[in-house]
Amino acid sequence: MGMQSGFPYFEIEFSKEGEASNPDQAKALKAALQPGNPTDLLVFSHGWNNDMAEARRLCEKFLISFRRRLDMGVPGTADRKFAVACVLWPSKKFAEQELIPSGAAGLGGGISDKAVVEQLQALKGFFSGKDADAKLEQAKALVPKLQDSPAAQKEFAELLRAALEPDAGHAKAGADDGAPDFFKLDGHEVMTRLSKPLPIPSTAHAGGAAGISGPGLGATSGPGAGNHGGAAGLLSFFSGIKSAALNLLNLTAYYQMKARAGLVGTKGLAPLIRSIKELHAPLKIHFAGHSFGCRLLTSAAWALDKGELNPKAVPIDSLSLLQAAFSHYGFADKWDGTHAGAFRNVLLNKQVRGPIIATCTVNDKAVGLAYPAASLLAGQVAAGIGDKNDKYGGMGRNGAQMTPEAVNGKLLPAGSAYEFTAGKIHNLLADQYVHGHSDITGEEVAYAVLAAISRT
């Protein structure tokens, strides 16, 4: 056991397959939990990161703010004794990028073969499909042919999709994130549709190419730059086949992360939480996640419901979704008139006893523009791309949509009075305090998490 910001601190690492990387970590956590001390366990999960060091820094920064606000006093928490479990899992980070008007203007020539090859190389070791790295190497050889060869374009797309494990498109999937189009369309058609430019939302920063980043394009500038753990860089705003190649690489990485987050949540974390509650039934358990960590934790809450192998449900006490990287229809009731969101049963079966909070902001270009990339595949590029009316909008941009239990509010200054209610999802518009996808470690965010916890 270590300490972070005065909290007993435990790291729980999982592999790509959702297995415990070090079973002794879980044993140490269970051994440290005593009746009444701690009273509450905060489970924190990072989003996309290049390495574990960045994941740890994100958790550490959040806990500094969490401790500061706790020490200043939050009604309903005076007698709480917290321990923290930080979930670490294999993930991948892409650099958050600023937007520019009018496509590739100012860059003088668009995307090079080198940029695509570098991205392919950077993804080595990332995908979980059979012989994935060999498929990436084959794709690299096709890059010089992409511009003029429909056959090469088709093969490129098929190789990328084959780098995923067979069920990646179905892991708690739904048409609300474009998975059917991505996996079923002809490879050449995929490349053709992804080669079209997307309209720039009205929230985009003006100013040429100065803020551009991404494969081979330099560093990020502007609000949110330099933050860790982002799901950013998912979308290029260039047009043409080379743009399609990068868009395809990023979408393929997205579906890999989606599948992996679900796997770690259901196969890795949920059984651990279930075993902890069997030993310490009075312990209150709170989930707080960032980016794809929100999908991981929500998948775990979903898996803690009763089922064929587990006749008893194990609800958690609160759920904080900090710039969540999943569909804004994730909790929806009949989002398309027929189908429920992938995590609808978390609400229906009361798998979260207390409040659920979800920070959201137009400043989150990562989530706000990742999901609408699927609109290219569907051939439905909307004028309000990424907003709450977009079929492919994200939770971190818009909050929970088409969800009867959703309540719209704002992220307030630390110390303010929240009216959080058990069984509700509170969409917290965070434009004033969250300036980028990974800007989730400020005191306003930590205070909102504590306010949700205080209602349990």
Protein backbone atom coordinates (compact mmCIF):
# COMPACT_ATOMS: atom_id res chain seq x y z
CA MET A 1 0.00 0.00 0.00
CA GLY A 2 1.18 3.49 -0.84
CA MET A 3 -0.22 6.93 -0.11
CA GLN A 4 -1.42 9.68 -2.46
CA SER A 5 -2.56 13.03 -1.06
CA GLY A 6 -3.08 11.34 2.30
CA PHE A 7 -5.24 8.53 0.92
CA PRO A 8 -4.32 4.84 1.08
CA TYR A 9 -3.57 4.23 -2.59
CA PHE A 10 -3.62 1.01 -4.58
CA GLU A 11 -2.89 0.35 -8.23
CA ILE A 12 -4.74 -2.40 -10.06
CA GLU A 13 -3.24 -3.24 -13.46
CA PHE A 14 -5.01 -5.18 -16.18
CA SER A 15 -3.74 -6.71 -19.41
CA LYS A 16 -5.17 -6.33 -22.92
CA GLU A 17 -7.24 -9.44 -22.23
CA GLY A 18 -8.77 -7.98 -19.06
CA GLU A 19 -6.69 -10.22 -16.80
CA ALA A 20 -5.02 -9.00 -13.62
CA SER A 21 -1.40 -8.21 -14.50
CA ASN A 22 -0.33 -8.68 -10.89
CA PRO A 23 -2.79 -10.63 -8.69
CA ASP A 24 -0.91 -9.49 -5.60
CA GLN A 25 -2.25 -5.96 -6.16
CA ALA A 26 -5.84 -7.08 -5.63
CA LYS A 27 -4.79 -9.14 -2.61
CA ALA A 28 -3.10 -6.10 -1.06
CA LEU A 29 -6.21 -3.98 -1.60
CA LYS A 30 -8.51 -6.55 -0.03
CA ALA A 31 -6.17 -7.05 2.92
CA ALA A 32 -6.11 -3.33 3.65
CA LEU A 33 -9.90 -2.99 3.76
CA GLN A 34 -11.07 -3.25 7.35
CA PRO A 35 -14.59 -2.83 8.78
CA GLY A 36 -15.27 0.90 8.90
CA ASN A 37 -11.83 1.90 7.65
CA PRO A 38 -12.09 2.92 4.92
CA THR A 39 -15.78 3.71 4.69
CA ASP A 40 -15.52 4.58 0.99
CA LEU A 41 -13.43 3.27 -1.91
CA LEU A 42 -12.89 5.61 -4.87
CA VAL A 43 -12.08 3.69 -8.05
CA PHE A 44 -10.44 5.94 -10.65
CA SER A 45 -9.74 5.00 -14.27
CA HIS A 46 -7.72 6.94 -16.84
CA GLY A 47 -8.53 7.22 -20.53
CA TRP A 48 -6.07 6.91 -23.42
CA ASN A 49 -2.39 7.13 -22.51
CA ASN A 50 0.96 6.25 -24.03
CA ASP A 51 2.27 4.82 -20.79
CA MET A 52 1.40 4.11 -17.19
CA ALA A 53 3.35 7.15 -15.97
CA GLU A 54 0.87 9.51 -17.65
CA ALA A 55 -2.05 7.56 -16.21
CA ARG A 56 -0.57 7.83 -12.74
CA ARG A 57 0.01 11.58 -13.12
CA LEU A 58 -3.61 12.13 -14.12
CA CYS A 59 -4.82 10.26 -11.04
CA GLU A 60 -2.34 12.06 -8.79
CA LYS A 61 -3.42 15.50 -10.03
CA PHE A 62 -7.08 14.64 -9.56
CA LEU A 63 -6.44 13.40 -6.01
CA ILE A 64 -4.63 16.62 -5.07
CA SER A 65 -7.80 18.58 -5.87
CA PHE A 66 -10.00 15.91 -4.31
CA ARG A 67 -8.02 16.08 -1.03
CA ARG A 68 -8.01 19.89 -0.99
CA ARG A 69 -11.77 20.13 -1.36
CA LEU A 70 -12.37 17.31 1.13
CA ASP A 71 -10.23 19.09 3.73
CA MET A 72 -12.13 22.34 3.15
CA GLY A 73 -15.34 20.54 4.00
CA VAL A 74 -18.11 19.03 1.91
CA PRO A 75 -21.43 18.44 3.68
CA GLY A 76 -22.05 14.73 4.12
CA THR A 77 -18.38 13.69 4.00
CA ALA A 78 -17.04 14.67 7.43
CA ASP A 79 -16.96 11.13 8.76
CA ARG A 80 -15.85 9.43 5.55
CA LYS A 81 -12.52 7.64 5.35
CA PHE A 82 -11.42 7.16 1.75
CA ALA A 83 -9.10 4.72 0.04
CA VAL A 84 -8.30 4.95 -3.68
CA ALA A 85 -7.86 2.24 -6.30
CA CYS A 86 -6.35 3.44 -9.56
CA VAL A 87 -7.18 1.18 -12.52
CA LEU A 88 -4.30 0.97 -15.02
CA TRP A 89 -4.92 -0.65 -18.38
CA PRO A 90 -3.18 -0.79 -21.79
CA SER A 91 -4.27 2.22 -23.78
CA LYS A 92 -3.04 4.56 -26.47
CA LYS A 93 -2.89 8.33 -26.65
CA PHE A 94 -3.18 10.54 -29.68
CA ALA A 95 -2.19 14.20 -29.50
CA GLU A 96 -5.10 16.59 -29.11
CA GLN A 97 -5.29 18.87 -32.12
CA GLU A 98 -6.70 22.28 -32.80
CA LEU A 99 -9.07 22.80 -35.68
CA ILE A 100 -8.46 25.01 -38.70
CA PRO A 101 -10.95 26.45 -41.13
CA SER A 102 -11.12 25.32 -44.74
CA GLY A 103 -9.47 21.92 -44.60
CA ALA A 104 -5.71 21.84 -45.16
CA ALA A 105 -5.34 25.52 -45.92
CA GLY A 106 -1.99 26.85 -44.78
CA LEU A 107 -0.28 23.49 -44.67
CA GLY A 108 0.83 23.60 -48.27
CA GLY A 109 0.10 20.19 -49.62
CA GLY A 110 -1.90 18.18 -47.12
CA ILE A 111 -0.89 14.82 -45.70
CA SER A 112 2.28 13.02 -46.70
CA ASP A 113 2.93 9.30 -47.10
CA LYS A 114 5.41 9.64 -44.26
CA ALA A 115 2.71 10.83 -41.85
CA VAL A 116 0.56 7.78 -42.59
CA VAL A 117 3.51 5.38 -42.31
CA GLU A 118 4.57 6.93 -38.99
CA GLN A 119 1.09 6.46 -37.60
CA LEU A 120 1.04 2.83 -38.71
CA GLN A 121 4.39 2.29 -37.04
CA ALA A 122 3.22 3.97 -33.84
CA LEU A 123 0.31 1.55 -33.62
CA LYS A 124 2.55 -1.53 -33.56
CA GLY A 125 1.78 -3.62 -30.52
CA PHE A 126 -1.51 -1.85 -29.92
CA PHE A 127 -4.13 -3.98 -31.67
CA SER A 128 -5.27 -7.35 -30.34
CA GLY A 129 -6.16 -9.16 -33.56
CA LYS A 130 -4.22 -12.16 -34.82
CA ASP A 131 -0.93 -11.14 -36.49
CA ALA A 132 -1.96 -7.50 -36.11
CA ASP A 133 1.57 -6.11 -36.45
CA ALA A 134 2.15 -8.07 -39.64
CA LYS A 135 -1.05 -6.60 -41.07
CA LEU A 136 0.15 -3.09 -40.20
CA GLU A 137 3.42 -3.81 -41.99
CA GLN A 138 1.50 -4.92 -45.08
CA ALA A 139 -0.56 -1.74 -44.88
CA LYS A 140 2.62 0.36 -44.79
CA ALA A 141 3.67 -1.12 -48.13
CA LEU A 142 0.37 0.02 -49.66
CA VAL A 143 0.67 3.69 -48.66
CA PRO A 144 2.49 4.88 -51.81
CA LYS A 145 -0.25 3.26 -53.93
CA LEU A 146 -3.25 4.67 -52.11
CA GLN A 147 -3.61 7.84 -54.12
CA ASP A 148 -4.24 6.16 -57.46
CA SER A 149 -5.24 2.57 -56.75
CA PRO A 150 -8.79 1.63 -55.64
CA ALA A 151 -7.53 -1.92 -55.13
CA ALA A 152 -4.84 -0.69 -52.73
CA GLN A 153 -7.39 1.42 -50.90
CA LYS A 154 -9.66 -1.57 -50.43
CA GLU A 155 -6.83 -3.80 -49.20
CA PHE A 156 -5.58 -1.09 -46.84
CA ALA A 157 -9.00 -0.81 -45.20
CA GLU A 158 -9.42 -4.55 -44.93
CA LEU A 159 -5.98 -4.99 -43.36
CA LEU A 160 -6.72 -2.34 -40.76
CA ARG A 161 -10.03 -3.85 -39.80
CA ALA A 162 -8.45 -7.30 -39.65
CA ALA A 163 -5.98 -6.00 -37.06
CA LEU A 164 -8.85 -5.89 -34.59
CA GLU A 165 -10.00 -8.94 -32.69
CA PRO A 166 -13.11 -10.49 -34.29
CA ASP A 167 -15.58 -9.16 -31.72
CA ALA A 168 -14.24 -5.59 -31.49
CA GLY A 169 -17.17 -4.26 -33.46
CA HIS A 170 -19.68 -5.95 -31.23
CA ALA A 171 -18.36 -5.31 -27.73
CA LYS A 172 -21.34 -3.45 -26.26
CA ALA A 173 -21.68 -1.90 -29.69
CA GLY A 174 -24.59 -0.23 -31.32
CA ALA A 175 -25.44 1.69 -34.44
CA ASP A 176 -25.16 4.84 -32.32
CA ASP A 177 -21.39 4.93 -32.93
CA GLY A 178 -21.25 3.76 -36.54
CA ALA A 179 -19.88 0.28 -35.85
CA PRO A 180 -22.09 -1.50 -38.42
CA ASP A 181 -20.94 0.79 -41.24
CA PHE A 182 -17.32 0.57 -40.20
CA PHE A 183 -17.22 -3.23 -40.18
CA LYS A 184 -19.59 -4.08 -43.03
CA LEU A 185 -18.88 -1.58 -45.81
CA ASP A 186 -16.62 -2.55 -48.71
CA GLY A 187 -13.04 -1.44 -47.99
CA HIS A 188 -12.86 0.88 -50.97
CA GLU A 189 -16.18 2.46 -50.00
CA VAL A 190 -14.88 3.03 -46.47
CA MET A 191 -11.87 4.91 -47.84
CA THR A 192 -13.99 6.90 -50.26
CA ARG A 193 -16.38 8.08 -47.56
CA LEU A 194 -13.60 8.88 -45.10
CA SER A 195 -11.82 10.98 -47.73
CA LYS A 196 -14.48 13.69 -47.56
CA PRO A 197 -13.84 16.73 -45.35
CA LEU A 198 -16.03 17.41 -42.37
CA PRO A 199 -17.53 20.86 -41.78
CA ILE A 200 -15.84 22.73 -38.93
CA PRO A 201 -18.19 23.40 -36.00
CA SER A 202 -18.82 26.98 -34.93
CA THR A 203 -16.87 26.31 -31.73
CA ALA A 204 -13.63 25.76 -33.66
CA HIS A 205 -10.69 28.02 -32.96
CA ALA A 206 -9.76 30.25 -35.83
CA GLY A 207 -6.22 30.89 -36.90
CA GLY A 208 -4.69 28.83 -39.66
CA ALA A 209 -2.38 25.90 -39.07
CA ALA A 210 -0.54 27.22 -36.05
CA GLY A 211 -2.35 24.95 -33.63
CA ILE A 212 -2.32 21.77 -35.67
CA SER A 213 -0.86 18.57 -34.27
CA GLY A 214 -1.08 14.91 -35.10
CA PRO A 215 1.10 12.46 -37.02
CA GLY A 216 4.02 14.41 -38.41
CA LEU A 217 2.33 17.80 -37.88
CA GLY A 218 3.99 19.14 -34.77
CA ALA A 219 2.86 20.11 -31.29
CA THR A 220 -0.48 21.25 -30.00
CA SER A 221 -1.21 24.74 -28.78
CA GLY A 222 -4.22 26.34 -27.17
CA PRO A 223 -6.48 25.41 -24.25
CA GLY A 224 -6.12 21.84 -23.11
CA ALA A 225 -2.71 21.38 -24.74
CA GLY A 226 -0.30 19.24 -22.84
CA ASN A 227 -2.96 17.50 -20.80
CA HIS A 228 -2.59 13.80 -20.39
CA GLY A 229 -4.95 10.92 -21.00
CA GLY A 230 -6.88 12.27 -23.97
CA ALA A 231 -8.92 10.40 -26.51
CA ALA A 232 -7.94 13.10 -28.93
CA GLY A 233 -6.53 13.17 -32.43
CA LEU A 234 -9.30 10.85 -33.53
CA LEU A 235 -10.15 12.90 -36.56
CA SER A 236 -8.23 14.68 -39.29
CA PHE A 237 -9.88 17.61 -41.04
CA PHE A 238 -8.11 17.24 -44.35
CA SER A 239 -9.71 15.74 -47.41
CA GLY A 240 -8.46 13.14 -49.85
CA ILE A 241 -7.28 9.55 -49.68
CA LYS A 242 -4.35 10.24 -47.31
CA SER A 243 -6.81 11.91 -44.97
CA ALA A 244 -9.01 8.83 -45.31
CA ALA A 245 -6.03 6.66 -44.31
CA LEU A 246 -5.48 8.64 -41.11
CA ASN A 247 -9.19 8.77 -40.35
CA LEU A 248 -9.36 5.00 -40.81
CA LEU A 249 -6.34 4.44 -38.56
CA ASN A 250 -7.87 6.57 -35.85
CA LEU A 251 -11.31 5.01 -36.12
CA THR A 252 -9.76 1.55 -35.99
CA ALA A 253 -7.88 2.57 -32.86
CA TYR A 254 -11.15 3.91 -31.44
CA TYR A 255 -12.95 0.59 -31.92
CA GLN A 256 -9.99 -1.24 -30.38
CA MET A 257 -10.11 1.01 -27.31
CA LYS A 258 -13.87 0.66 -27.11
CA ALA A 259 -13.59 -3.13 -27.06
CA ARG A 260 -10.69 -3.14 -24.61
CA ALA A 261 -12.32 -0.76 -22.16
CA GLY A 262 -15.42 -2.94 -22.13
CA LEU A 263 -13.38 -6.09 -21.69
CA VAL A 264 -11.33 -4.74 -18.79
CA GLY A 265 -14.48 -3.41 -17.12
CA THR A 266 -16.55 -6.56 -17.42
CA LYS A 267 -13.90 -9.28 -17.15
CA GLY A 268 -11.35 -7.55 -14.93
CA LEU A 269 -12.80 -4.86 -12.68
CA ALA A 270 -16.35 -6.15 -12.11
CA PRO A 271 -15.26 -9.49 -10.58
CA LEU A 272 -12.82 -7.64 -8.33
CA ILE A 273 -15.52 -5.28 -7.06
CA ARG A 274 -17.89 -8.19 -6.57
CA SER A 275 -15.31 -10.02 -4.43
CA ILE A 276 -14.58 -6.88 -2.40
CA LYS A 277 -18.28 -6.36 -1.62
CA GLU A 278 -18.60 -10.00 -0.55
CA LEU A 279 -15.90 -9.34 2.05
CA HIS A 280 -16.96 -5.82 3.02
CA ALA A 281 -20.65 -5.32 2.32
CA PRO A 282 -20.98 -1.89 4.08
CA LEU A 283 -18.12 -0.37 2.03
CA LYS A 284 -19.36 2.34 -0.31
CA ILE A 285 -17.82 2.16 -3.78
CA HIS A 286 -17.58 5.14 -6.09
CA PHE A 287 -16.45 5.09 -9.71
CA ALA A 288 -14.80 8.14 -11.31
CA GLY A 289 -13.38 7.87 -14.83
CA HIS A 290 -11.95 9.95 -17.61
CA SER A 291 -12.47 9.49 -21.35
CA PHE A 292 -12.51 5.79 -22.24
CA GLY A 293 -12.06 5.08 -18.54
CA CYS A 294 -15.73 6.09 -18.27
CA ARG A 295 -16.65 3.29 -20.66
CA LEU A 296 -14.53 0.88 -18.62
CA LEU A 297 -16.23 1.81 -15.35
CA THR A 298 -19.74 1.92 -16.82
CA SER A 299 -19.14 -1.51 -18.36
CA ALA A 300 -18.15 -2.75 -14.91
CA ALA A 301 -21.32 -1.31 -13.36
CA TRP A 302 -23.33 -3.02 -16.12
CA ALA A 303 -21.56 -6.34 -15.45
CA LEU A 304 -22.20 -6.10 -11.70
CA ASP A 305 -25.89 -6.67 -12.36
CA LYS A 306 -27.25 -10.12 -11.63
CA GLY A 307 -27.01 -12.73 -14.37
CA GLU A 308 -26.71 -16.42 -15.07
CA LEU A 309 -23.34 -16.72 -13.32
CA ASN A 310 -24.05 -14.13 -10.61
CA PRO A 311 -27.52 -14.38 -9.06
CA LYS A 312 -26.95 -11.29 -6.93
CA ALA A 313 -26.55 -7.74 -8.23
CA VAL A 314 -23.80 -5.58 -6.71
CA PRO A 315 -24.67 -1.90 -7.22
CA ILE A 316 -22.07 0.81 -6.79
CA ASP A 317 -22.83 4.01 -4.90
CA SER A 318 -21.95 6.82 -7.33
CA LEU A 319 -20.62 7.20 -10.86
CA SER A 320 -18.72 10.25 -12.14
CA LEU A 321 -18.16 10.43 -15.90
CA LEU A 322 -15.50 13.04 -16.63
CA GLN A 323 -15.49 13.88 -20.36
CA ALA A 324 -16.73 10.41 -21.20
CA ALA A 325 -15.70 8.93 -24.56
CA PHE A 326 -18.83 7.04 -25.46
CA SER A 327 -22.05 7.80 -27.28
CA HIS A 328 -24.39 10.38 -25.79
CA TYR A 329 -27.06 7.72 -26.31
CA GLY A 330 -25.26 5.28 -24.00
CA PHE A 331 -28.05 5.44 -21.38
CA ALA A 332 -30.84 6.32 -23.79
CA ASP A 333 -34.33 4.88 -23.94
CA LYS A 334 -35.10 4.11 -27.60
CA TRP A 335 -32.58 6.56 -29.02
CA ASP A 336 -33.70 5.73 -32.56
CA GLY A 337 -37.29 4.98 -31.68
CA THR A 338 -36.56 1.30 -31.10
CA HIS A 339 -33.20 0.55 -29.49
CA ALA A 340 -31.99 1.34 -25.99
CA GLY A 341 -28.48 2.57 -25.31
CA ALA A 342 -25.78 0.01 -24.54
CA PHE A 343 -25.81 0.88 -20.82
CA ARG A 344 -29.54 1.46 -20.38
CA ASN A 345 -29.82 -1.36 -17.83
CA VAL A 346 -27.41 0.44 -15.50
CA LEU A 347 -30.27 2.88 -14.91
CA LEU A 348 -33.22 0.53 -15.21
CA ASN A 349 -31.76 -1.98 -12.76
CA LYS A 350 -30.41 0.71 -10.40
CA GLN A 351 -26.81 -0.43 -10.65
CA VAL A 352 -25.81 2.99 -9.29
CA ARG A 353 -27.53 3.67 -5.98
CA GLY A 354 -26.70 7.35 -5.87
CA PRO A 355 -26.27 10.07 -8.49
CA ILE A 356 -24.48 9.82 -11.81
CA ILE A 357 -22.73 12.98 -12.99
CA ALA A 358 -21.38 13.63 -16.49
CA THR A 359 -19.25 16.66 -17.30
CA CYS A 360 -19.67 17.92 -20.87
CA THR A 361 -18.38 20.85 -22.89
CA VAL A 362 -18.01 22.18 -26.42
CA ASN A 363 -14.33 22.63 -25.52
CA ASP A 364 -13.85 18.87 -25.79
CA LYS A 365 -12.89 18.56 -29.44
CA ALA A 366 -11.71 15.00 -28.89
CA VAL A 367 -15.14 13.66 -27.96
CA GLY A 368 -17.07 16.32 -29.86
CA LEU A 369 -15.52 15.29 -33.16
CA ALA A 370 -14.57 11.64 -32.68
CA TYR A 371 -18.04 10.21 -32.86
CA PRO A 372 -19.20 12.34 -35.81
CA ALA A 373 -16.43 10.76 -37.88
CA ALA A 374 -18.87 7.88 -38.20
CA SER A 375 -21.21 10.23 -40.04
CA LEU A 376 -18.81 10.12 -42.97
CA LEU A 377 -19.25 6.36 -43.15
CA ALA A 378 -23.01 6.73 -42.91
CA GLY A 379 -23.02 9.45 -45.54
CA GLN A 380 -24.77 11.79 -43.12
CA VAL A 381 -22.68 14.89 -42.52
CA ALA A 382 -24.83 17.21 -40.46
CA ALA A 383 -24.51 20.97 -40.19
CA GLY A 384 -24.51 20.65 -36.40
CA ILE A 385 -21.86 17.96 -36.36
CA GLY A 386 -21.02 16.70 -32.90
CA ASP A 387 -23.81 18.55 -31.08
CA LYS A 388 -26.70 17.03 -29.14
CA ASN A 389 -28.75 16.56 -32.32
CA ASP A 390 -26.04 14.58 -34.10
CA LYS A 391 -26.68 10.84 -34.18
CA TYR A 392 -22.98 10.31 -33.53
CA GLY A 393 -22.49 12.77 -30.68
CA GLY A 394 -20.41 11.94 -27.60
CA MET A 395 -21.19 12.08 -23.89
CA GLY A 396 -18.25 14.36 -23.08
CA ARG A 397 -19.53 16.93 -25.55
CA ASN A 398 -23.30 16.78 -24.95
CA GLY A 399 -24.08 14.78 -21.84
CA ALA A 400 -26.67 12.02 -21.80
CA GLN A 401 -29.29 12.48 -24.55
CA MET A 402 -32.67 10.81 -25.15
CA THR A 403 -32.46 9.70 -21.52
CA PRO A 404 -35.54 10.34 -19.34
CA GLU A 405 -33.43 10.32 -16.18
CA ALA A 406 -31.08 13.06 -17.43
CA VAL A 407 -31.11 16.44 -15.69
CA ASN A 408 -29.31 19.38 -17.29
CA GLY A 409 -27.21 21.62 -15.10
CA LYS A 410 -23.80 23.28 -14.88
CA LEU A 411 -20.46 22.54 -13.30
CA LEU A 412 -20.44 25.09 -10.48
CA PRO A 413 -17.67 26.83 -8.56
CA ALA A 414 -16.19 24.66 -5.85
CA GLY A 415 -18.19 25.02 -2.65
CA SER A 416 -21.53 25.60 -4.39
CA ALA A 417 -24.70 23.70 -3.53
CA TYR A 418 -25.61 20.90 -5.94
CA GLU A 419 -29.01 19.24 -5.97
CA PHE A 420 -27.93 15.78 -7.06
CA THR A 421 -30.55 13.04 -6.92
CA ALA A 422 -30.13 9.29 -6.75
CA GLY A 423 -31.12 7.50 -9.95
CA LYS A 424 -30.60 10.57 -12.12
CA ILE A 425 -27.84 11.49 -14.58
CA HIS A 426 -26.78 15.07 -14.04
CA ASN A 427 -25.33 16.60 -17.20
CA LEU A 428 -22.91 19.27 -15.99
CA LEU A 429 -22.14 21.83 -18.67
CA ALA A 430 -18.49 22.59 -17.97
CA ASP A 431 -17.54 25.21 -20.59
CA GLN A 432 -16.29 27.62 -17.92
CA TYR A 433 -13.97 25.21 -16.13
CA VAL A 434 -13.04 22.39 -18.52
CA HIS A 435 -10.99 23.77 -21.42
CA GLY A 436 -10.03 20.53 -23.16
CA HIS A 437 -10.67 16.81 -23.13
CA SER A 438 -8.16 16.06 -20.39
CA ASP A 439 -8.77 19.12 -18.23
CA ILE A 440 -10.51 17.16 -15.48
CA THR A 441 -8.21 17.64 -12.48
CA GLY A 442 -9.38 21.08 -11.30
CA GLU A 443 -11.08 21.69 -7.98
CA GLU A 444 -14.47 22.33 -9.58
CA VAL A 445 -14.51 18.82 -11.03
CA ALA A 446 -13.22 17.20 -7.83
CA TYR A 447 -15.82 19.06 -5.79
CA ALA A 448 -18.64 17.86 -8.07
CA VAL A 449 -17.43 14.26 -7.61
CA LEU A 450 -17.43 14.76 -3.84
CA ALA A 451 -20.88 16.33 -3.96
CA ALA A 452 -22.18 13.23 -5.75
CA ILE A 453 -20.48 10.98 -3.20
CA SER A 454 -22.01 13.00 -0.34
CA ARG A 455 -25.50 11.97 -1.47
CA THR A 456 -24.75 8.30 -0.74
